[in-house]
Amino acid sequence: MRKAIPVIIAFFTFLPLDADEVRNFDEGWEYNWKRSIAMTSRKTSGKLQDDEWKPYSLKDQTPERQNRNILWLRHYIPKTDWEKSAIYFPFIEFTYQAFIQERLVAQFGDIHTDDTCSVDTWIQHQILSIPKNLEGEYLYLKVCSPYPSIGLVHIPKIGKYEDLYYNHIVSE
């Protein structure tokens, strides 16, 4: 196996990568501290009005936190020409659940009903595949953290699944 590692590295080193296929996905996030949120599509009106969502910045991760452990984030998933689009999350503080159209599509750690959370490991790089029929919907993240920091810690990326995977391997 050790002899194969240089071959694999050489393969990925010369693999073509279109830089336009991976973009920062840090602008356009919104947050809300509500305990329960109706996760509705962009096309319908839900229980939570759009004006109840506030702009979220990675620079100011804990606006108006007031000792709350649950933060909701959302972002509109753009329609793309990519065959397999995905979002790469390098790190979310601390545990989270990801929803699209009220369906749980990814999870890291456990969020309990009493707003506490637990996790078995700190490795949490996540590449979330986005099916074509879910582009144009909102991605919701329910984030739980008992620590001072909560939410997105590093800039997420959006792009073709293969390119995000390649970028992740090269950056590690």
N, C-alpha and C. Protein backbone atom coordinates (compact mmCIF):
# COMPACT_ATOMS: atom_id res chain seq x y z
N MET A 1 0.82 -1.20 0.00
CA MET A 1 0.00 0.00 0.00
C MET A 1 0.86 1.26 0.00
N ARG A 2 1.97 1.24 0.75
CA ARG A 2 2.84 2.42 0.81
C ARG A 2 3.41 2.77 -0.55
N LYS A 3 3.64 1.77 -1.39
CA LYS A 3 4.17 2.04 -2.72
C LYS A 3 3.12 2.71 -3.60
N ALA A 4 1.86 2.49 -3.30
CA ALA A 4 0.78 3.08 -4.10
C ALA A 4 0.55 4.54 -3.77
N ILE A 5 0.91 4.98 -2.59
CA ILE A 5 0.65 6.36 -2.17
C ILE A 5 1.29 7.38 -3.10
N PRO A 6 2.59 7.25 -3.48
CA PRO A 6 3.16 8.23 -4.41
C PRO A 6 2.44 8.25 -5.76
N VAL A 7 1.98 7.11 -6.22
CA VAL A 7 1.26 7.05 -7.49
C VAL A 7 -0.07 7.79 -7.36
N ILE A 8 -0.76 7.59 -6.26
CA ILE A 8 -2.04 8.28 -6.03
C ILE A 8 -1.81 9.78 -5.93
N ILE A 9 -0.79 10.19 -5.21
CA ILE A 9 -0.48 11.63 -5.07
C ILE A 9 -0.15 12.22 -6.44
N ALA A 10 0.65 11.51 -7.23
CA ALA A 10 1.01 12.01 -8.56
C ALA A 10 -0.23 12.13 -9.44
N PHE A 11 -1.14 11.17 -9.33
CA PHE A 11 -2.38 11.22 -10.11
C PHE A 11 -3.18 12.47 -9.78
N PHE A 12 -3.37 12.74 -8.48
CA PHE A 12 -4.15 13.91 -8.07
C PHE A 12 -3.42 15.21 -8.35
N THR A 13 -2.10 15.19 -8.37
CA THR A 13 -1.34 16.40 -8.65
C THR A 13 -1.54 16.87 -10.08
N PHE A 14 -1.65 15.94 -11.00
CA PHE A 14 -1.78 16.29 -12.41
C PHE A 14 -3.22 16.23 -12.91
N LEU A 15 -4.15 15.93 -12.02
CA LEU A 15 -5.55 15.90 -12.38
C LEU A 15 -6.01 17.33 -12.68
N PRO A 16 -6.61 17.57 -13.82
CA PRO A 16 -7.04 18.94 -14.14
C PRO A 16 -8.13 19.41 -13.19
N LEU A 17 -8.05 20.66 -12.80
CA LEU A 17 -9.03 21.25 -11.91
C LEU A 17 -9.40 22.62 -12.44
N ASP A 18 -10.66 22.82 -12.67
CA ASP A 18 -11.14 24.11 -13.14
C ASP A 18 -11.45 24.97 -11.92
N ALA A 19 -10.68 26.01 -11.72
CA ALA A 19 -10.84 26.86 -10.53
C ALA A 19 -12.21 27.50 -10.47
N ASP A 20 -12.85 27.70 -11.62
CA ASP A 20 -14.18 28.30 -11.63
C ASP A 20 -15.24 27.36 -11.08
N GLU A 21 -14.92 26.10 -10.95
CA GLU A 21 -15.89 25.11 -10.48
C GLU A 21 -15.96 25.02 -8.96
N VAL A 22 -15.11 25.74 -8.25
CA VAL A 22 -15.14 25.80 -6.79
C VAL A 22 -15.17 27.26 -6.39
N ARG A 23 -16.20 27.62 -5.63
CA ARG A 23 -16.34 29.02 -5.21
C ARG A 23 -16.60 29.09 -3.71
N ASN A 24 -16.21 30.22 -3.13
CA ASN A 24 -16.55 30.46 -1.74
C ASN A 24 -18.07 30.54 -1.61
N PHE A 25 -18.56 30.02 -0.50
CA PHE A 25 -20.00 29.98 -0.23
C PHE A 25 -20.25 30.66 1.12
N ASP A 26 -19.60 31.82 1.30
CA ASP A 26 -19.66 32.48 2.61
C ASP A 26 -20.62 33.65 2.66
N GLU A 27 -21.05 34.17 1.53
CA GLU A 27 -21.98 35.30 1.53
C GLU A 27 -23.39 34.81 1.24
N GLY A 28 -24.35 35.45 1.89
CA GLY A 28 -25.75 35.08 1.69
C GLY A 28 -26.33 34.23 2.80
N TRP A 29 -25.53 33.87 3.79
CA TRP A 29 -26.04 33.11 4.92
C TRP A 29 -26.91 34.01 5.79
N GLU A 30 -27.92 33.41 6.40
CA GLU A 30 -28.79 34.12 7.33
C GLU A 30 -28.89 33.29 8.60
N TYR A 31 -29.19 33.96 9.71
CA TYR A 31 -29.29 33.23 10.98
C TYR A 31 -30.58 33.59 11.71
N ASN A 32 -30.93 32.72 12.67
CA ASN A 32 -32.07 32.95 13.53
C ASN A 32 -31.86 32.15 14.81
N TRP A 33 -32.27 32.70 15.92
CA TRP A 33 -32.14 32.02 17.22
C TRP A 33 -33.43 31.36 17.66
N LYS A 34 -34.46 31.32 16.83
CA LYS A 34 -35.73 30.71 17.21
C LYS A 34 -35.51 29.25 17.58
N ARG A 35 -36.31 28.77 18.51
CA ARG A 35 -36.15 27.40 18.99
C ARG A 35 -36.56 26.38 17.92
N SER A 36 -37.61 26.66 17.21
CA SER A 36 -38.08 25.74 16.19
C SER A 36 -38.40 26.54 14.93
N ILE A 37 -37.97 26.04 13.83
CA ILE A 37 -38.13 26.78 12.58
C ILE A 37 -38.80 25.88 11.55
N ALA A 38 -39.79 26.43 10.88
CA ALA A 38 -40.39 25.70 9.77
C ALA A 38 -39.46 25.84 8.57
N MET A 39 -38.99 24.73 8.08
CA MET A 39 -38.03 24.75 6.97
C MET A 39 -38.79 24.62 5.67
N THR A 40 -39.23 25.72 5.13
CA THR A 40 -40.04 25.69 3.92
C THR A 40 -39.20 26.07 2.72
N SER A 41 -39.71 25.70 1.56
CA SER A 41 -38.97 26.04 0.35
C SER A 41 -39.07 27.53 0.09
N ARG A 42 -38.23 28.01 -0.79
CA ARG A 42 -38.20 29.43 -1.15
C ARG A 42 -39.52 29.85 -1.80
N LYS A 43 -40.21 28.92 -2.38
CA LYS A 43 -41.40 29.25 -3.15
C LYS A 43 -42.65 29.39 -2.28
N THR A 44 -42.62 28.90 -1.06
CA THR A 44 -43.81 28.94 -0.21
C THR A 44 -43.55 29.80 1.01
N SER A 45 -44.62 30.21 1.64
CA SER A 45 -44.45 31.00 2.86
C SER A 45 -44.62 30.08 4.06
N GLY A 46 -43.71 30.17 5.00
CA GLY A 46 -43.74 29.32 6.17
C GLY A 46 -44.12 30.11 7.40
N LYS A 47 -43.96 29.50 8.55
CA LYS A 47 -44.30 30.14 9.82
C LYS A 47 -43.34 31.28 10.13
N LEU A 48 -42.13 31.17 9.67
CA LEU A 48 -41.12 32.18 9.96
C LEU A 48 -41.00 33.09 8.75
N GLN A 49 -41.24 34.36 8.95
CA GLN A 49 -41.17 35.31 7.85
C GLN A 49 -39.71 35.58 7.47
N ASP A 50 -39.50 35.95 6.22
CA ASP A 50 -38.15 36.24 5.75
C ASP A 50 -37.50 37.35 6.55
N ASP A 51 -38.30 38.31 7.03
CA ASP A 51 -37.69 39.42 7.78
C ASP A 51 -37.24 39.01 9.18
N GLU A 52 -37.58 37.79 9.61
CA GLU A 52 -37.11 37.29 10.90
C GLU A 52 -35.71 36.68 10.79
N TRP A 53 -35.24 36.49 9.58
CA TRP A 53 -33.88 36.02 9.34
C TRP A 53 -32.98 37.23 9.19
N LYS A 54 -31.79 37.16 9.78
CA LYS A 54 -30.85 38.28 9.72
C LYS A 54 -29.59 37.84 9.00
N PRO A 55 -28.90 38.76 8.33
CA PRO A 55 -27.65 38.41 7.64
C PRO A 55 -26.62 37.86 8.64
N TYR A 56 -25.94 36.81 8.22
CA TYR A 56 -24.93 36.15 9.06
C TYR A 56 -23.57 36.33 8.42
N SER A 57 -22.60 36.68 9.24
CA SER A 57 -21.24 36.86 8.76
C SER A 57 -20.31 35.92 9.53
N LEU A 58 -19.38 35.31 8.82
CA LEU A 58 -18.41 34.45 9.50
C LEU A 58 -17.54 35.23 10.46
N LYS A 59 -17.41 36.53 10.24
CA LYS A 59 -16.59 37.35 11.13
C LYS A 59 -17.26 37.59 12.47
N ASP A 60 -18.59 37.60 12.49
CA ASP A 60 -19.35 37.83 13.72
C ASP A 60 -20.20 36.60 13.97
N GLN A 61 -19.58 35.53 14.45
CA GLN A 61 -20.23 34.23 14.53
C GLN A 61 -21.35 34.13 15.56
N THR A 62 -21.33 34.96 16.58
CA THR A 62 -22.31 34.78 17.65
C THR A 62 -23.11 36.05 17.94
N PRO A 63 -23.76 36.62 16.95
CA PRO A 63 -24.54 37.82 17.21
C PRO A 63 -25.72 37.53 18.14
N GLU A 64 -25.92 38.38 19.12
CA GLU A 64 -27.08 38.29 20.02
C GLU A 64 -27.24 36.91 20.65
N ARG A 65 -26.18 36.24 20.98
CA ARG A 65 -26.27 34.85 21.43
C ARG A 65 -26.99 34.69 22.76
N GLN A 66 -26.65 35.46 23.75
CA GLN A 66 -27.31 35.43 25.06
C GLN A 66 -27.42 34.01 25.65
N ASN A 67 -26.32 33.29 25.69
CA ASN A 67 -26.23 31.95 26.29
C ASN A 67 -27.09 30.88 25.61
N ARG A 68 -27.49 31.11 24.38
CA ARG A 68 -28.25 30.09 23.65
C ARG A 68 -27.29 29.11 23.01
N ASN A 69 -27.69 27.84 22.97
CA ASN A 69 -26.85 26.79 22.40
C ASN A 69 -27.26 26.39 20.98
N ILE A 70 -28.44 26.80 20.53
CA ILE A 70 -28.93 26.40 19.21
C ILE A 70 -28.99 27.62 18.30
N LEU A 71 -28.34 27.51 17.17
CA LEU A 71 -28.35 28.55 16.14
C LEU A 71 -28.84 27.92 14.84
N TRP A 72 -29.79 28.56 14.19
CA TRP A 72 -30.23 28.12 12.87
C TRP A 72 -29.58 29.00 11.82
N LEU A 73 -29.04 28.37 10.79
CA LEU A 73 -28.48 29.08 9.63
C LEU A 73 -29.21 28.60 8.39
N ARG A 74 -29.30 29.46 7.40
CA ARG A 74 -29.88 29.02 6.12
C ARG A 74 -29.17 29.74 4.99
N HIS A 75 -29.20 29.07 3.83
CA HIS A 75 -28.64 29.65 2.62
C HIS A 75 -29.39 29.07 1.43
N TYR A 76 -29.69 29.92 0.48
CA TYR A 76 -30.34 29.49 -0.76
C TYR A 76 -29.33 28.70 -1.58
N ILE A 77 -29.73 27.54 -2.05
CA ILE A 77 -28.85 26.71 -2.89
C ILE A 77 -29.06 27.14 -4.35
N PRO A 78 -28.03 27.70 -4.96
CA PRO A 78 -28.21 28.19 -6.34
C PRO A 78 -28.35 27.04 -7.34
N LYS A 79 -29.05 27.33 -8.42
CA LYS A 79 -29.12 26.36 -9.52
C LYS A 79 -27.81 26.45 -10.28
N THR A 80 -27.28 25.30 -10.67
CA THR A 80 -25.98 25.26 -11.34
C THR A 80 -26.06 24.42 -12.61
N ASP A 81 -25.00 24.48 -13.39
CA ASP A 81 -24.87 23.63 -14.57
C ASP A 81 -24.08 22.37 -14.26
N TRP A 82 -23.63 22.24 -13.03
CA TRP A 82 -22.81 21.09 -12.66
C TRP A 82 -23.66 19.83 -12.61
N GLU A 83 -23.04 18.74 -13.05
CA GLU A 83 -23.75 17.46 -13.00
C GLU A 83 -23.95 17.00 -11.56
N LYS A 84 -22.90 17.14 -10.75
CA LYS A 84 -22.97 16.76 -9.33
C LYS A 84 -22.47 17.93 -8.49
N SER A 85 -23.38 18.78 -8.03
CA SER A 85 -22.95 19.90 -7.21
C SER A 85 -22.92 19.47 -5.74
N ALA A 86 -22.11 20.20 -4.97
CA ALA A 86 -21.95 19.87 -3.55
C ALA A 86 -21.48 21.11 -2.80
N ILE A 87 -21.60 21.04 -1.49
CA ILE A 87 -21.10 22.09 -0.60
C ILE A 87 -20.12 21.44 0.36
N TYR A 88 -18.97 22.07 0.51
CA TYR A 88 -17.93 21.58 1.42
C TYR A 88 -17.90 22.46 2.66
N PHE A 89 -18.06 21.83 3.82
CA PHE A 89 -17.96 22.52 5.10
C PHE A 89 -16.68 22.06 5.79
N PRO A 90 -15.66 22.93 5.87
CA PRO A 90 -14.42 22.53 6.53
C PRO A 90 -14.57 22.40 8.04
N PHE A 91 -15.43 23.21 8.64
CA PHE A 91 -15.63 23.10 10.09
C PHE A 91 -16.84 23.91 10.50
N ILE A 92 -17.72 23.27 11.24
CA ILE A 92 -18.87 23.94 11.84
C ILE A 92 -18.76 23.72 13.33
N GLU A 93 -18.88 24.78 14.10
CA GLU A 93 -18.73 24.70 15.56
C GLU A 93 -20.08 24.45 16.18
N PHE A 94 -20.44 23.42 16.64
CA PHE A 94 -19.82 22.24 17.19
C PHE A 94 -20.48 21.02 16.57
N THR A 95 -21.76 20.85 16.79
CA THR A 95 -22.50 19.77 16.13
C THR A 95 -23.58 20.40 15.26
N TYR A 96 -24.05 19.64 14.29
CA TYR A 96 -25.08 20.22 13.42
C TYR A 96 -25.90 19.14 12.74
N GLN A 97 -27.05 19.58 12.27
CA GLN A 97 -27.91 18.80 11.40
C GLN A 97 -28.19 19.68 10.18
N ALA A 98 -28.16 19.08 9.00
CA ALA A 98 -28.43 19.82 7.76
C ALA A 98 -29.75 19.31 7.18
N PHE A 99 -30.60 20.24 6.78
CA PHE A 99 -31.91 19.91 6.24
C PHE A 99 -32.11 20.61 4.89
N ILE A 100 -32.77 19.90 3.98
CA ILE A 100 -33.28 20.49 2.75
C ILE A 100 -34.71 19.97 2.61
N GLN A 101 -35.65 20.87 2.43
CA GLN A 101 -37.07 20.52 2.34
C GLN A 101 -37.50 19.66 3.53
N GLU A 102 -37.11 20.07 4.71
CA GLU A 102 -37.47 19.42 5.97
C GLU A 102 -36.91 18.00 6.11
N ARG A 103 -36.04 17.59 5.20
CA ARG A 103 -35.43 16.26 5.30
C ARG A 103 -34.01 16.40 5.83
N LEU A 104 -33.67 15.57 6.79
CA LEU A 104 -32.31 15.54 7.31
C LEU A 104 -31.41 14.94 6.23
N VAL A 105 -30.41 15.71 5.78
CA VAL A 105 -29.53 15.23 4.71
C VAL A 105 -28.11 14.99 5.20
N ALA A 106 -27.76 15.50 6.37
CA ALA A 106 -26.43 15.28 6.94
C ALA A 106 -26.48 15.60 8.42
N GLN A 107 -25.58 14.97 9.16
CA GLN A 107 -25.52 15.21 10.60
C GLN A 107 -24.12 14.95 11.10
N PHE A 108 -23.68 15.77 12.05
CA PHE A 108 -22.42 15.55 12.74
C PHE A 108 -22.70 15.67 14.23
N GLY A 109 -22.47 14.61 14.97
CA GLY A 109 -22.76 14.60 16.40
C GLY A 109 -24.25 14.44 16.65
N ASP A 110 -24.64 14.66 17.90
CA ASP A 110 -26.04 14.53 18.30
C ASP A 110 -26.52 15.81 18.95
N ILE A 111 -27.70 16.25 18.56
CA ILE A 111 -28.37 17.38 19.20
C ILE A 111 -29.56 16.80 19.94
N HIS A 112 -29.58 16.98 21.25
CA HIS A 112 -30.61 16.40 22.10
C HIS A 112 -31.79 17.36 22.25
N THR A 113 -32.92 16.83 22.70
CA THR A 113 -34.13 17.65 22.83
C THR A 113 -33.99 18.77 23.85
N ASP A 114 -33.06 18.64 24.78
CA ASP A 114 -32.87 19.70 25.79
C ASP A 114 -31.84 20.74 25.34
N ASP A 115 -31.56 20.80 24.05
CA ASP A 115 -30.62 21.76 23.46
C ASP A 115 -29.18 21.55 23.91
N THR A 116 -28.85 20.34 24.31
CA THR A 116 -27.45 20.00 24.57
C THR A 116 -26.97 19.17 23.39
N CYS A 117 -25.66 19.03 23.28
CA CYS A 117 -25.12 18.30 22.14
C CYS A 117 -23.91 17.48 22.57
N SER A 118 -23.63 16.46 21.78
CA SER A 118 -22.47 15.62 22.05
C SER A 118 -21.90 15.13 20.72
N VAL A 119 -20.62 14.77 20.78
CA VAL A 119 -19.93 14.31 19.59
C VAL A 119 -18.84 13.32 20.01
N ASP A 120 -18.56 12.35 19.15
CA ASP A 120 -17.55 11.34 19.47
C ASP A 120 -16.17 11.69 18.94
N THR A 121 -16.09 12.55 17.95
CA THR A 121 -14.82 12.89 17.33
C THR A 121 -14.84 14.34 16.89
N TRP A 122 -13.66 14.91 16.70
CA TRP A 122 -13.57 16.30 16.26
C TRP A 122 -13.37 16.43 14.76
N ILE A 123 -13.20 15.33 14.06
CA ILE A 123 -13.01 15.39 12.61
C ILE A 123 -14.38 15.60 11.98
N GLN A 124 -14.59 16.74 11.34
CA GLN A 124 -15.92 16.99 10.82
C GLN A 124 -15.95 17.66 9.45
N HIS A 125 -14.97 17.39 8.63
CA HIS A 125 -15.07 17.88 7.25
C HIS A 125 -16.27 17.19 6.62
N GLN A 126 -17.07 17.94 5.90
CA GLN A 126 -18.28 17.37 5.31
C GLN A 126 -18.43 17.89 3.89
N ILE A 127 -18.59 16.96 2.95
CA ILE A 127 -18.96 17.34 1.59
C ILE A 127 -20.39 16.86 1.40
N LEU A 128 -21.28 17.81 1.23
CA LEU A 128 -22.71 17.52 1.14
C LEU A 128 -23.14 17.57 -0.33
N SER A 129 -23.50 16.42 -0.88
CA SER A 129 -23.99 16.37 -2.26
C SER A 129 -25.37 17.00 -2.34
N ILE A 130 -25.59 17.77 -3.40
CA ILE A 130 -26.87 18.43 -3.60
C ILE A 130 -27.52 17.85 -4.86
N PRO A 131 -28.57 17.06 -4.70
CA PRO A 131 -29.26 16.54 -5.89
C PRO A 131 -29.84 17.67 -6.74
N LYS A 132 -29.86 17.49 -8.04
CA LYS A 132 -30.33 18.53 -8.97
C LYS A 132 -31.73 19.03 -8.60
N ASN A 133 -32.61 18.13 -8.17
CA ASN A 133 -33.98 18.54 -7.88
C ASN A 133 -34.08 19.38 -6.60
N LEU A 134 -33.00 19.49 -5.83
CA LEU A 134 -33.03 20.30 -4.62
C LEU A 134 -32.31 21.63 -4.79
N GLU A 135 -31.70 21.85 -5.95
CA GLU A 135 -31.15 23.17 -6.22
C GLU A 135 -32.32 24.15 -6.30
N GLY A 136 -32.13 25.35 -5.82
CA GLY A 136 -33.21 26.32 -5.79
C GLY A 136 -34.00 26.28 -4.49
N GLU A 137 -33.58 25.43 -3.57
CA GLU A 137 -34.20 25.34 -2.24
C GLU A 137 -33.26 25.94 -1.21
N TYR A 138 -33.73 26.02 0.02
CA TYR A 138 -32.88 26.47 1.11
C TYR A 138 -32.22 25.28 1.79
N LEU A 139 -30.97 25.46 2.16
CA LEU A 139 -30.26 24.54 3.04
C LEU A 139 -30.34 25.15 4.44
N TYR A 140 -30.80 24.37 5.40
CA TYR A 140 -30.88 24.81 6.79
C TYR A 140 -29.87 24.03 7.62
N LEU A 141 -29.16 24.72 8.47
CA LEU A 141 -28.25 24.09 9.43
C LEU A 141 -28.74 24.39 10.83
N LYS A 142 -28.99 23.36 11.60
CA LYS A 142 -29.29 23.51 13.02
C LYS A 142 -27.98 23.21 13.74
N VAL A 143 -27.40 24.24 14.34
CA VAL A 143 -26.07 24.12 14.95
C VAL A 143 -26.20 24.22 16.46
N CYS A 144 -25.51 23.34 17.17
CA CYS A 144 -25.52 23.35 18.63
C CYS A 144 -24.08 23.45 19.13
N SER A 145 -23.86 24.35 20.09
CA SER A 145 -22.53 24.48 20.68
C SER A 145 -22.64 25.04 22.10
N PRO A 146 -22.05 24.34 23.07
CA PRO A 146 -21.99 24.88 24.43
C PRO A 146 -20.76 25.78 24.62
N TYR A 147 -19.95 25.90 23.59
CA TYR A 147 -18.71 26.66 23.65
C TYR A 147 -18.93 28.11 23.21
N PRO A 148 -17.96 28.99 23.43
CA PRO A 148 -18.13 30.40 23.04
C PRO A 148 -18.40 30.59 21.55
N SER A 149 -17.84 29.74 20.72
CA SER A 149 -18.02 29.87 19.27
C SER A 149 -19.16 28.97 18.81
N ILE A 150 -19.93 29.46 17.86
CA ILE A 150 -21.03 28.66 17.30
C ILE A 150 -21.20 29.04 15.83
N GLY A 151 -21.47 28.06 15.00
CA GLY A 151 -21.75 28.33 13.59
C GLY A 151 -20.60 27.99 12.66
N LEU A 152 -20.56 28.68 11.54
CA LEU A 152 -19.53 28.44 10.53
C LEU A 152 -18.22 29.06 10.99
N VAL A 153 -17.18 28.27 11.05
CA VAL A 153 -15.87 28.74 11.51
C VAL A 153 -14.98 29.07 10.32
N HIS A 154 -15.01 28.23 9.30
CA HIS A 154 -14.21 28.44 8.09
C HIS A 154 -15.15 28.59 6.90
N ILE A 155 -14.65 29.16 5.85
CA ILE A 155 -15.48 29.46 4.67
C ILE A 155 -15.91 28.18 3.96
N PRO A 156 -17.23 27.96 3.84
CA PRO A 156 -17.69 26.83 3.04
C PRO A 156 -17.43 27.10 1.56
N LYS A 157 -17.39 26.04 0.79
CA LYS A 157 -17.17 26.13 -0.67
C LYS A 157 -18.34 25.43 -1.36
N ILE A 158 -18.65 25.90 -2.56
CA ILE A 158 -19.65 25.24 -3.39
C ILE A 158 -19.00 24.94 -4.73
N GLY A 159 -19.34 23.80 -5.31
CA GLY A 159 -18.75 23.45 -6.59
C GLY A 159 -19.14 22.06 -7.02
N LYS A 160 -18.42 21.57 -8.02
CA LYS A 160 -18.62 20.20 -8.45
C LYS A 160 -18.06 19.28 -7.37
N TYR A 161 -18.77 18.19 -7.11
CA TYR A 161 -18.38 17.27 -6.05
C TYR A 161 -16.92 16.84 -6.20
N GLU A 162 -16.54 16.45 -7.39
CA GLU A 162 -15.19 15.93 -7.62
C GLU A 162 -14.13 17.00 -7.32
N ASP A 163 -14.40 18.23 -7.72
CA ASP A 163 -13.44 19.31 -7.49
C ASP A 163 -13.32 19.65 -6.00
N LEU A 164 -14.45 19.62 -5.30
CA LEU A 164 -14.40 19.87 -3.85
C LEU A 164 -13.62 18.77 -3.14
N TYR A 165 -13.85 17.54 -3.57
CA TYR A 165 -13.13 16.41 -2.98
C TYR A 165 -11.63 16.53 -3.24
N TYR A 166 -11.28 16.87 -4.47
CA TYR A 166 -9.87 17.06 -4.83
C TYR A 166 -9.25 18.18 -4.00
N ASN A 167 -9.95 19.32 -3.90
CA ASN A 167 -9.44 20.44 -3.09
C ASN A 167 -9.23 20.04 -1.64
N HIS A 168 -10.14 19.24 -1.11
CA HIS A 168 -10.01 18.79 0.28
C HIS A 168 -8.77 17.92 0.46
N ILE A 169 -8.55 16.99 -0.46
CA ILE A 169 -7.38 16.11 -0.36
C ILE A 169 -6.09 16.91 -0.48
N VAL A 170 -6.04 17.82 -1.43
CA VAL A 170 -4.83 18.62 -1.65
C VAL A 170 -4.56 19.53 -0.46
N SER A 171 -5.61 20.11 0.13
CA SER A 171 -5.41 21.04 1.25
C SER A 171 -5.02 20.34 2.53
N GLU A 172 -5.31 19.07 2.64
CA GLU A 172 -4.95 18.32 3.85
C GLU A 172 -3.54 17.88 3.69
